[in-house]
Amino acid sequence: MAGEGRGFRLRKDRREPMAKAVLFDCDGVLLDSEYQYLDSVSRYLRTLGREAGIEELAYLVGTDIRRITEQLKKDYHLEGYGTEELIRGQRALFYKEFYGEGKLSPMEGLVAFLDRLRAAGIRMAVASSSPQEYVDYVLGQLKIGEYFEFALGRENVQRAKPAPDLYLEAMRRLKILPHEAVVIEDSQNGVAAGLASGAYVIAYKGSVVRQDTSGAHRTVFSFQEIGVEELKKDL
């Protein structure tokens, strides 16, 4: 929802990146899973007598499912339902499709981009508001886990995006400063988290589900648009 990043200081400037590491979101960046999730939310709401299309629900993505569910309760007048009950209902539909469809596919151009980053000596990690088990499953199915030094799921920090905690924890583990990190995000909440962490933020628009990411330092529609040497030039 517009304004989800309020309460967190968004440190945006016009500087160029100085990348020692690139930090990736998971859903909508590594794979295009957000359409599936929002479709499952839409269908679940229908069972509760509520109508909402995928585009109407796009503002929800980029944070953890508990925060999403609390927002759904407010926006669709579901206060009579328990949060855990609503979470179980959403997950039942999403997991049935997501885990049942077989092999997952990475975003177009992602693997080639990871190869270029590795060849250039730029470190990589994943920081996602999704559960750790889910993130690990995705990396395994996409066969890209070897590229990343680690992957952080929601359980690793106190606050989910749009708070900067996940990215700050990733920087702490990598022993780098915020201005040495580049964050790649696709959601409004994720961009807000990256900016609040002090990183250089690239908004990636390769997902079917598009959001307002106008706060990012730069916007790209494919990984081919991101020049690795450009990321390193100010080191």
Foldseek 3Di string as FASTA:
>chain_A
DPPPLPPFDQADDQDFAAALAEEEEPDPAFAQLLQLLLVLLQVLVVVVVDHDDSLRLLQLPQAALLVSQVVCCVVGVVVVDDSVVSSVSSCVRSCCCPVVPDAGETFPPPVVLLVVCVVVNRAYEYFYQYAPVVRVVNCVSHVNVVSHPYYDYNVPDDGIFVALTRVLVVCVVVVHAQSNYEYEEAHCRVLSNNSSSNHQYEHEQCHPHHYPNVRHSYYDPHSVVDDNCSNNVVD
